[in-house]
Amino acid sequence: MRGFGLLLILDHGDGYMSLYGHNQSLYRSLGEWVEAGEVVAVVGRSGGRSRSGLYFGLRHQGLPLNPRQWCRSKA
């Protein structure tokens, strides 16, 4: 996936994936298990970004989902 820089994709099963792009470094490798709450990457400026930032996306069966339905506010 071009334009996302250093990209981490987590497979959640049942066709769901979360994507984290523009990372400075990744703390997990292909096939490694990830537990809830673990740090998996460090945000950076990869992929041609001039400032640090994070791309976050959700997909089901390869189709993008609106992440607002899945993220809750701490307020």
PDB file of N, CA and C in Angstrom:
ATOM      1  N   MET A   1       0.854  -1.172   0.000  1.00  0.00           N
ATOM      2  CA  MET A   1       0.000   0.000   0.000  1.00  0.00           C
ATOM      3  C   MET A   1       0.898   1.233   0.000  1.00  0.00           C
ATOM      4  N   ARG A   2       0.946   1.863  -1.099  1.00  0.00           N
ATOM      5  CA  ARG A   2       1.814   3.025  -1.268  1.00  0.00           C
ATOM      6  C   ARG A   2       1.268   4.261  -0.569  1.00  0.00           C
ATOM      7  N   GLY A   3       2.185   5.097  -0.116  1.00  0.00           N
ATOM      8  CA  GLY A   3       1.807   6.368   0.477  1.00  0.00           C
ATOM      9  C   GLY A   3       1.584   6.339   1.981  1.00  0.00           C
ATOM     10  N   PHE A   4       1.642   5.163   2.586  1.00  0.00           N
ATOM     11  CA  PHE A   4       1.421   5.052   4.025  1.00  0.00           C
ATOM     12  C   PHE A   4       2.723   4.902   4.798  1.00  0.00           C
ATOM     13  N   GLY A   5       3.859   4.917   4.100  1.00  0.00           N
ATOM     14  CA  GLY A   5       5.144   4.772   4.763  1.00  0.00           C
ATOM     15  C   GLY A   5       5.281   3.413   5.422  1.00  0.00           C
ATOM     16  N   LEU A   6       5.935   3.387   6.552  1.00  0.00           N
ATOM     17  CA  LEU A   6       6.121   2.153   7.315  1.00  0.00           C
ATOM     18  C   LEU A   6       4.762   1.771   7.898  1.00  0.00           C
ATOM     19  N   LEU A   7       4.199   0.684   7.413  1.00  0.00           N
ATOM     20  CA  LEU A   7       2.810   0.311   7.692  1.00  0.00           C
ATOM     21  C   LEU A   7       2.738  -0.983   8.491  1.00  0.00           C
ATOM     22  N   LEU A   8       1.878  -0.992   9.497  1.00  0.00           N
ATOM     23  CA  LEU A   8       1.601  -2.193  10.277  1.00  0.00           C
ATOM     24  C   LEU A   8       0.138  -2.553  10.071  1.00  0.00           C
ATOM     25  N   ILE A   9      -0.119  -3.809   9.733  1.00  0.00           N
ATOM     26  CA  ILE A   9      -1.487  -4.289   9.552  1.00  0.00           C
ATOM     27  C   ILE A   9      -1.726  -5.410  10.544  1.00  0.00           C
ATOM     28  N   LEU A  10      -2.776  -5.260  11.365  1.00  0.00           N
ATOM     29  CA  LEU A  10      -3.151  -6.304  12.320  1.00  0.00           C
ATOM     30  C   LEU A  10      -4.386  -7.021  11.807  1.00  0.00           C
ATOM     31  N   ASP A  11      -4.302  -8.346  11.765  1.00  0.00           N
ATOM     32  CA  ASP A  11      -5.421  -9.184  11.353  1.00  0.00           C
ATOM     33  C   ASP A  11      -6.188  -9.587  12.611  1.00  0.00           C
ATOM     34  N   HIS A  12      -7.442  -9.162  12.708  1.00  0.00           N
ATOM     35  CA  HIS A  12      -8.263  -9.445  13.882  1.00  0.00           C
ATOM     36  C   HIS A  12      -9.152 -10.671  13.700  1.00  0.00           C
ATOM     37  N   GLY A  13      -9.085 -11.297  12.537  1.00  0.00           N
ATOM     38  CA  GLY A  13      -9.918 -12.448  12.244  1.00  0.00           C
ATOM     39  C   GLY A  13     -11.268 -12.027  11.686  1.00  0.00           C
ATOM     40  N   ASP A  14     -12.008 -12.966  11.154  1.00  0.00           N
ATOM     41  CA  ASP A  14     -13.332 -12.737  10.573  1.00  0.00           C
ATOM     42  C   ASP A  14     -13.312 -11.641   9.508  1.00  0.00           C
ATOM     43  N   GLY A  15     -12.176 -11.471   8.825  1.00  0.00           N
ATOM     44  CA  GLY A  15     -12.068 -10.492   7.750  1.00  0.00           C
ATOM     45  C   GLY A  15     -11.788  -9.069   8.195  1.00  0.00           C
ATOM     46  N   TYR A  16     -11.565  -8.838   9.493  1.00  0.00           N
ATOM     47  CA  TYR A  16     -11.295  -7.495  10.011  1.00  0.00           C
ATOM     48  C   TYR A  16      -9.790  -7.253  10.131  1.00  0.00           C
ATOM     49  N   MET A  17      -9.352  -6.058   9.728  1.00  0.00           N
ATOM     50  CA  MET A  17      -7.962  -5.641   9.849  1.00  0.00           C
ATOM     51  C   MET A  17      -7.915  -4.194  10.321  1.00  0.00           C
ATOM     52  N   SER A  18      -6.866  -3.866  11.089  1.00  0.00           N
ATOM     53  CA  SER A  18      -6.604  -2.462  11.415  1.00  0.00           C
ATOM     54  C   SER A  18      -5.249  -2.113  10.812  1.00  0.00           C
ATOM     55  N   LEU A  19      -5.141  -0.889  10.299  1.00  0.00           N
ATOM     56  CA  LEU A  19      -3.940  -0.424   9.627  1.00  0.00           C
ATOM     57  C   LEU A  19      -3.391   0.800  10.345  1.00  0.00           C
ATOM     58  N   TYR A  20      -2.070   0.830  10.505  1.00  0.00           N
ATOM     59  CA  TYR A  20      -1.384   1.917  11.190  1.00  0.00           C
ATOM     60  C   TYR A  20      -0.219   2.340  10.300  1.00  0.00           C
ATOM     61  N   GLY A  21      -0.285   3.544   9.731  1.00  0.00           N
ATOM     62  CA  GLY A  21       0.722   3.989   8.783  1.00  0.00           C
ATOM     63  C   GLY A  21       1.509   5.190   9.260  1.00  0.00           C
ATOM     64  N   HIS A  22       2.592   5.483   8.532  1.00  0.00           N
ATOM     65  CA  HIS A  22       3.510   6.593   8.778  1.00  0.00           C
ATOM     66  C   HIS A  22       4.313   6.400  10.063  1.00  0.00           C
ATOM     67  N   ASN A  23       4.622   5.136  10.387  1.00  0.00           N
ATOM     68  CA  ASN A  23       5.371   4.830  11.612  1.00  0.00           C
ATOM     69  C   ASN A  23       6.866   5.098  11.450  1.00  0.00           C
ATOM     70  N   GLN A  24       7.517   5.370  12.563  1.00  0.00           N
ATOM     71  CA  GLN A  24       8.973   5.524  12.604  1.00  0.00           C
ATOM     72  C   GLN A  24       9.628   4.155  12.740  1.00  0.00           C
ATOM     73  N   SER A  25       9.025   3.294  13.563  1.00  0.00           N
ATOM     74  CA  SER A  25       9.536   1.934  13.740  1.00  0.00           C
ATOM     75  C   SER A  25       8.398   1.021  14.162  1.00  0.00           C
ATOM     76  N   LEU A  26       8.575  -0.262  13.848  1.00  0.00           N
ATOM     77  CA  LEU A  26       7.579  -1.283  14.189  1.00  0.00           C
ATOM     78  C   LEU A  26       8.145  -2.198  15.260  1.00  0.00           C
ATOM     79  N   TYR A  27       7.300  -2.593  16.213  1.00  0.00           N
ATOM     80  CA  TYR A  27       7.726  -3.480  17.289  1.00  0.00           C
ATOM     81  C   TYR A  27       7.240  -4.915  17.104  1.00  0.00           C
ATOM     82  N   ARG A  28       6.587  -5.198  16.022  1.00  0.00           N
ATOM     83  CA  ARG A  28       6.110  -6.545  15.730  1.00  0.00           C
ATOM     84  C   ARG A  28       6.490  -6.931  14.313  1.00  0.00           C
ATOM     85  N   SER A  29       6.644  -8.238  14.098  1.00  0.00           N
ATOM     86  CA  SER A  29       6.990  -8.777  12.783  1.00  0.00           C
ATOM     87  C   SER A  29       5.858  -9.648  12.265  1.00  0.00           C
ATOM     88  N   LEU A  30       5.938  -9.995  11.019  1.00  0.00           N
ATOM     89  CA  LEU A  30       4.936 -10.827  10.364  1.00  0.00           C
ATOM     90  C   LEU A  30       4.665 -12.100  11.167  1.00  0.00           C
ATOM     91  N   GLY A  31       3.392 -12.320  11.462  1.00  0.00           N
ATOM     92  CA  GLY A  31       2.974 -13.537  12.143  1.00  0.00           C
ATOM     93  C   GLY A  31       3.001 -13.496  13.656  1.00  0.00           C
ATOM     94  N   GLU A  32       3.536 -12.435  14.241  1.00  0.00           N
ATOM     95  CA  GLU A  32       3.597 -12.355  15.704  1.00  0.00           C
ATOM     96  C   GLU A  32       2.227 -12.051  16.298  1.00  0.00           C
ATOM     97  N   TRP A  33       1.933 -12.643  17.432  1.00  0.00           N
ATOM     98  CA  TRP A  33       0.692 -12.432  18.162  1.00  0.00           C
ATOM     99  C   TRP A  33       0.762 -11.111  18.915  1.00  0.00           C
ATOM    100  N   VAL A  34      -0.343 -10.377  18.966  1.00  0.00           N
ATOM    101  CA  VAL A  34      -0.404  -9.100  19.671  1.00  0.00           C
ATOM    102  C   VAL A  34      -1.529  -9.164  20.696  1.00  0.00           C
ATOM    103  N   GLU A  35      -1.237  -8.761  21.914  1.00  0.00           N
ATOM    104  CA  GLU A  35      -2.239  -8.710  22.974  1.00  0.00           C
ATOM    105  C   GLU A  35      -2.803  -7.295  23.076  1.00  0.00           C
ATOM    106  N   ALA A  36      -4.016  -7.164  23.536  1.00  0.00           N
ATOM    107  CA  ALA A  36      -4.636  -5.849  23.735  1.00  0.00           C
ATOM    108  C   ALA A  36      -3.781  -5.002  24.658  1.00  0.00           C
ATOM    109  N   GLY A  37      -3.579  -3.736  24.297  1.00  0.00           N
ATOM    110  CA  GLY A  37      -2.817  -2.807  25.116  1.00  0.00           C
ATOM    111  C   GLY A  37      -1.328  -2.781  24.838  1.00  0.00           C
ATOM    112  N   GLU A  38      -0.816  -3.703  24.027  1.00  0.00           N
ATOM    113  CA  GLU A  38       0.614  -3.717  23.717  1.00  0.00           C
ATOM    114  C   GLU A  38       0.970  -2.599  22.738  1.00  0.00           C
ATOM    115  N   VAL A  39       2.147  -2.022  22.901  1.00  0.00           N
ATOM    116  CA  VAL A  39       2.669  -1.049  21.946  1.00  0.00           C
ATOM    117  C   VAL A  39       3.178  -1.829  20.741  1.00  0.00           C
ATOM    118  N   VAL A  40       2.723  -1.452  19.546  1.00  0.00           N
ATOM    119  CA  VAL A  40       3.106  -2.181  18.340  1.00  0.00           C
ATOM    120  C   VAL A  40       3.980  -1.366  17.395  1.00  0.00           C
ATOM    121  N   ALA A  41       4.000  -0.036  17.573  1.00  0.00           N
ATOM    122  CA  ALA A  41       4.790   0.822  16.688  1.00  0.00           C
ATOM    123  C   ALA A  41       4.995   2.187  17.320  1.00  0.00           C
ATOM    124  N   VAL A  42       5.891   2.977  16.696  1.00  0.00           N
ATOM    125  CA  VAL A  42       6.145   4.357  17.103  1.00  0.00           C
ATOM    126  C   VAL A  42       5.773   5.249  15.921  1.00  0.00           C
ATOM    127  N   VAL A  43       4.955   6.245  16.168  1.00  0.00           N
ATOM    128  CA  VAL A  43       4.521   7.168  15.125  1.00  0.00           C
ATOM    129  C   VAL A  43       5.714   7.954  14.608  1.00  0.00           C
ATOM    130  N   GLY A  44       5.716   8.207  13.302  1.00  0.00           N
ATOM    131  CA  GLY A  44       6.831   8.935  12.720  1.00  0.00           C
ATOM    132  C   GLY A  44       6.418   9.776  11.533  1.00  0.00           C
ATOM    133  N   ARG A  45       7.365   9.935  10.590  1.00  0.00           N
ATOM    134  CA  ARG A  45       7.132  10.763   9.415  1.00  0.00           C
ATOM    135  C   ARG A  45       7.394   9.986   8.138  1.00  0.00           C
ATOM    136  N   SER A  46       7.225   8.693   8.125  1.00  0.00           N
ATOM    137  CA  SER A  46       7.517   7.902   6.933  1.00  0.00           C
ATOM    138  C   SER A  46       6.454   8.121   5.859  1.00  0.00           C
ATOM    139  N   GLY A  47       6.778   7.725   4.648  1.00  0.00           N
ATOM    140  CA  GLY A  47       5.831   7.848   3.545  1.00  0.00           C
ATOM    141  C   GLY A  47       5.749   9.241   2.966  1.00  0.00           C
ATOM    142  N   GLY A  48       6.817  10.032   3.115  1.00  0.00           N
ATOM    143  CA  GLY A  48       6.847  11.363   2.539  1.00  0.00           C
ATOM    144  C   GLY A  48       6.203  12.449   3.379  1.00  0.00           C
ATOM    145  N   ARG A  49       5.825  12.132   4.597  1.00  0.00           N
ATOM    146  CA  ARG A  49       5.205  13.121   5.488  1.00  0.00           C
ATOM    147  C   ARG A  49       6.268  14.106   5.984  1.00  0.00           C
ATOM    148  N   SER A  50       5.904  15.377   6.094  1.00  0.00           N
ATOM    149  CA  SER A  50       6.830  16.380   6.608  1.00  0.00           C
ATOM    150  C   SER A  50       6.706  16.531   8.129  1.00  0.00           C
ATOM    151  N   ARG A  51       5.571  16.061   8.685  1.00  0.00           N
ATOM    152  CA  ARG A  51       5.345  16.109  10.139  1.00  0.00           C
ATOM    153  C   ARG A  51       4.923  14.739  10.626  1.00  0.00           C
ATOM    154  N   SER A  52       5.182  14.476  11.901  1.00  0.00           N
ATOM    155  CA  SER A  52       4.752  13.201  12.482  1.00  0.00           C
ATOM    156  C   SER A  52       3.235  13.111  12.489  1.00  0.00           C
ATOM    157  N   GLY A  53       2.742  11.937  12.233  1.00  0.00           N
ATOM    158  CA  GLY A  53       1.302  11.711  12.243  1.00  0.00           C
ATOM    159  C   GLY A  53       1.016  10.237  12.067  1.00  0.00           C
ATOM    160  N   LEU A  54      -0.195   9.853  12.323  1.00  0.00           N
ATOM    161  CA  LEU A  54      -0.593   8.456  12.233  1.00  0.00           C
ATOM    162  C   LEU A  54      -1.758   8.303  11.277  1.00  0.00           C
ATOM    163  N   TYR A  55      -1.650   7.339  10.363  1.00  0.00           N
ATOM    164  CA  TYR A  55      -2.802   6.924   9.577  1.00  0.00           C
ATOM    165  C   TYR A  55      -3.392   5.736  10.317  1.00  0.00           C
ATOM    166  N   PHE A  56      -4.689   5.780  10.614  1.00  0.00           N
ATOM    167  CA  PHE A  56      -5.381   4.665  11.237  1.00  0.00           C
ATOM    168  C   PHE A  56      -6.574   4.319  10.364  1.00  0.00           C
ATOM    169  N   GLY A  57      -6.689   3.064  10.025  1.00  0.00           N
ATOM    170  CA  GLY A  57      -7.824   2.637   9.214  1.00  0.00           C
ATOM    171  C   GLY A  57      -8.298   1.271   9.637  1.00  0.00           C
ATOM    172  N   LEU A  58      -9.565   1.009   9.368  1.00  0.00           N
ATOM    173  CA  LEU A  58     -10.161  -0.304   9.619  1.00  0.00           C
ATOM    174  C   LEU A  58     -10.731  -0.824   8.313  1.00  0.00           C
ATOM    175  N   ARG A  59     -10.632  -2.139   8.117  1.00  0.00           N
ATOM    176  CA  ARG A  59     -11.170  -2.753   6.910  1.00  0.00           C
ATOM    177  C   ARG A  59     -11.863  -4.063   7.263  1.00  0.00           C
ATOM    178  N   HIS A  60     -12.893  -4.350   6.498  1.00  0.00           N
ATOM    179  CA  HIS A  60     -13.571  -5.637   6.605  1.00  0.00           C
ATOM    180  C   HIS A  60     -13.691  -6.201   5.204  1.00  0.00           C
ATOM    181  N   GLN A  61     -13.159  -7.401   5.023  1.00  0.00           N
ATOM    182  CA  GLN A  61     -13.116  -8.039   3.708  1.00  0.00           C
ATOM    183  C   GLN A  61     -12.448  -7.121   2.691  1.00  0.00           C
ATOM    184  N   GLY A  62     -11.447  -6.339   3.145  1.00  0.00           N
ATOM    185  CA  GLY A  62     -10.697  -5.449   2.273  1.00  0.00           C
ATOM    186  C   GLY A  62     -11.338  -4.099   2.023  1.00  0.00           C
ATOM    187  N   LEU A  63     -12.562  -3.906   2.490  1.00  0.00           N
ATOM    188  CA  LEU A  63     -13.261  -2.637   2.276  1.00  0.00           C
ATOM    189  C   LEU A  63     -13.106  -1.738   3.491  1.00  0.00           C
ATOM    190  N   PRO A  64     -12.850  -0.424   3.273  1.00  0.00           N
ATOM    191  CA  PRO A  64     -12.675   0.487   4.400  1.00  0.00           C
ATOM    192  C   PRO A  64     -13.944   0.652   5.223  1.00  0.00           C
ATOM    193  N   LEU A  65     -13.763   0.781   6.543  1.00  0.00           N
ATOM    194  CA  LEU A  65     -14.854   1.044   7.482  1.00  0.00           C
ATOM    195  C   LEU A  65     -14.622   2.401   8.130  1.00  0.00           C
ATOM    196  N   ASN A  66     -15.686   3.042   8.557  1.00  0.00           N
ATOM    197  CA  ASN A  66     -15.567   4.292   9.292  1.00  0.00           C
ATOM    198  C   ASN A  66     -15.112   3.951  10.713  1.00  0.00           C
ATOM    199  N   PRO A  67     -13.921   4.403  11.130  1.00  0.00           N
ATOM    200  CA  PRO A  67     -13.419   4.028  12.453  1.00  0.00           C
ATOM    201  C   PRO A  67     -14.199   4.646  13.613  1.00  0.00           C
ATOM    202  N   ARG A  68     -15.006   5.678  13.361  1.00  0.00           N
ATOM    203  CA  ARG A  68     -15.756   6.295  14.449  1.00  0.00           C
ATOM    204  C   ARG A  68     -16.686   5.310  15.151  1.00  0.00           C
ATOM    205  N   GLN A  69     -17.201   4.343  14.424  1.00  0.00           N
ATOM    206  CA  GLN A  69     -18.107   3.368  15.016  1.00  0.00           C
ATOM    207  C   GLN A  69     -17.383   2.435  15.975  1.00  0.00           C
ATOM    208  N   TRP A  70     -16.071   2.346  15.833  1.00  0.00           N
ATOM    209  CA  TRP A  70     -15.289   1.380  16.606  1.00  0.00           C
ATOM    210  C   TRP A  70     -14.465   2.013  17.711  1.00  0.00           C
ATOM    211  N   CYS A  71     -14.321   3.326  17.686  1.00  0.00           N
ATOM    212  CA  CYS A  71     -13.505   4.033  18.676  1.00  0.00           C
ATOM    213  C   CYS A  71     -14.403   4.751  19.663  1.00  0.00           C
ATOM    214  N   ARG A  72     -14.091   4.662  20.912  1.00  0.00           N
ATOM    215  CA  ARG A  72     -14.902   5.350  21.909  1.00  0.00           C
ATOM    216  C   ARG A  72     -14.124   6.496  22.514  1.00  0.00           C
ATOM    217  N   SER A  73     -14.840   7.489  22.946  1.00  0.00           N
ATOM    218  CA  SER A  73     -14.248   8.682  23.539  1.00  0.00           C
ATOM    219  C   SER A  73     -13.982   8.427  25.018  1.00  0.00           C
ATOM    220  N   LYS A  74     -12.930   9.047  25.526  1.00  0.00           N
ATOM    221  CA  LYS A  74     -12.632   8.952  26.962  1.00  0.00           C
ATOM    222  C   LYS A  74     -13.372  10.016  27.753  1.00  0.00           C
ATOM    223  N   ALA A  75     -14.105  10.866  27.060  1.00  0.00           N
ATOM    224  CA  ALA A  75     -14.819  11.974  27.733  1.00  0.00           C
ATOM    225  C   ALA A  75     -16.000  11.480  28.550  1.00  0.00           C
TER     226      ALA A  75
END
